[in-house]
Amino acid sequence: MPLDKAGMGWFFKNYLRTPADGKDPRVNLVAANLKGLPATTIIAADYDPLKSEGKTLADKLTAAGVKVNYKLYEGTTHEFFGMAAVVPEAKDAQGVATDDLKGALK
């Protein structure tokens, strides 16, 4: 089932103890001090309720001097990453993530 507004509400309700917890910088990364973080890979889906948040985070990380590899996969939905057997973009995204992780571990 694709992630939608109702699903986001469920996660918000069940992940946080109170709505105030959503302001914690460990949860709200966009409001956190991002300086000094390691290089970051953000893989985004086109049809995803979190699409704008991923781009905002990438922009904030870049502004904080963090090296960012942001890749938006056009025409994909939130859960595409795990569908490499049937979605070519997922295979590519997994390759990007793998390559970046291997590079970080060198």
Protein backbone atom coordinates (compact mmCIF):
# COMPACT_ATOMS: atom_id res chain seq x y z
CA MET A 1 0.00 0.00 0.00
CA PRO A 2 1.46 3.40 -0.95
CA LEU A 3 2.27 5.88 1.81
CA ASP A 4 -0.50 8.48 1.99
CA LYS A 5 -1.85 11.14 4.35
CA ALA A 6 -3.66 8.56 6.51
CA GLY A 7 -0.50 6.45 6.73
CA MET A 8 1.56 9.49 7.67
CA GLY A 9 -0.95 10.26 10.44
CA TRP A 10 -0.66 6.71 11.75
CA PHE A 11 3.15 6.90 11.86
CA PHE A 12 3.04 10.32 13.53
CA LYS A 13 0.61 9.05 16.17
CA ASN A 14 2.53 5.83 16.86
CA TYR A 15 6.13 7.05 16.56
CA LEU A 16 5.96 10.06 18.86
CA ARG A 17 4.83 10.08 22.47
CA THR A 18 3.37 13.57 22.05
CA PRO A 19 3.18 16.05 19.15
CA ALA A 20 5.82 18.13 20.98
CA ASP A 21 8.31 15.30 20.37
CA GLY A 22 8.14 16.26 16.68
CA LYS A 23 10.20 19.36 17.52
CA ASP A 24 13.10 17.31 18.88
CA PRO A 25 16.08 17.79 16.50
CA ARG A 26 16.61 14.01 16.49
CA VAL A 27 13.19 13.75 14.83
CA ASN A 28 12.98 17.11 13.02
CA LEU A 29 16.34 17.03 11.24
CA VAL A 30 15.59 20.17 9.25
CA ALA A 31 15.59 22.16 12.51
CA ALA A 32 18.76 20.46 13.82
CA ASN A 33 22.35 21.69 13.65
CA LEU A 34 23.60 19.70 10.67
CA LYS A 35 27.18 21.00 10.56
CA GLY A 36 29.82 18.31 10.73
CA LEU A 37 27.62 15.45 9.60
CA PRO A 38 29.15 12.93 7.17
CA ALA A 39 28.36 12.83 3.48
CA THR A 40 24.70 11.96 3.03
CA THR A 41 22.76 10.16 0.31
CA ILE A 42 19.08 11.02 -0.09
CA ILE A 43 17.04 8.95 -2.53
CA ALA A 44 13.66 10.50 -3.23
CA ALA A 45 10.53 9.27 -4.97
CA ASP A 46 8.44 11.50 -7.21
CA TYR A 47 5.02 10.50 -5.83
CA ASP A 48 5.80 10.55 -2.13
CA PRO A 49 4.30 12.59 0.71
CA LEU A 50 7.89 13.03 1.95
CA LYS A 51 9.28 14.31 -1.36
CA SER A 52 9.48 17.96 -0.31
CA GLU A 53 10.94 17.06 3.10
CA GLY A 54 13.73 15.08 1.44
CA LYS A 55 14.62 18.01 -0.82
CA THR A 56 14.46 20.45 2.09
CA LEU A 57 16.79 18.23 4.12
CA ALA A 58 19.20 17.96 1.19
CA ASP A 59 19.23 21.76 0.85
CA LYS A 60 19.75 22.29 4.60
CA LEU A 61 22.59 19.75 4.68
CA THR A 62 24.25 21.45 1.71
CA ALA A 63 23.89 24.84 3.39
CA ALA A 64 25.56 23.37 6.49
CA GLY A 65 28.55 22.29 4.39
CA VAL A 66 27.65 18.61 4.22
CA LYS A 67 28.34 16.78 0.96
CA VAL A 68 24.97 15.52 -0.33
CA ASN A 69 24.08 13.13 -3.12
CA TYR A 70 20.37 13.87 -3.71
CA LYS A 71 18.67 11.80 -6.39
CA LEU A 72 14.99 12.13 -7.31
CA TYR A 73 13.51 9.21 -9.26
CA GLU A 74 10.77 10.53 -11.53
CA GLY A 75 7.55 8.52 -11.74
CA THR A 76 8.23 6.45 -8.60
CA THR A 77 6.29 6.09 -5.36
CA HIS A 78 7.51 6.04 -1.75
CA GLU A 79 8.09 2.30 -1.55
CA PHE A 80 9.86 1.88 -4.91
CA PHE A 81 13.33 1.27 -3.43
CA GLY A 82 12.56 -2.34 -2.48
CA MET A 83 11.09 -3.26 -5.87
CA ALA A 84 14.27 -3.78 -7.91
CA ALA A 85 12.95 -7.01 -9.42
CA VAL A 86 10.24 -5.08 -11.28
CA VAL A 87 11.16 -1.36 -11.13
CA PRO A 88 14.36 -0.42 -12.98
CA GLU A 89 14.65 2.84 -11.03
CA ALA A 90 14.81 0.82 -7.81
CA LYS A 91 17.76 -1.18 -9.11
CA ASP A 92 19.52 2.06 -9.99
CA ALA A 93 18.69 3.60 -6.59
CA GLN A 94 20.03 0.54 -4.79
CA GLY A 95 23.22 0.86 -6.84
CA VAL A 96 23.57 4.54 -5.85
CA ALA A 97 23.09 3.68 -2.18
CA THR A 98 25.54 0.77 -2.38
CA ASP A 99 28.20 2.79 -4.21
CA ASP A 100 27.91 5.70 -1.77
CA LEU A 101 28.10 3.40 1.25
CA LYS A 102 31.14 1.56 -0.17
CA GLY A 103 32.78 4.94 -0.80
CA ALA A 104 32.10 6.06 2.76
CA LEU A 105 33.60 2.87 4.21
CA LYS A 106 36.89 3.15 2.30
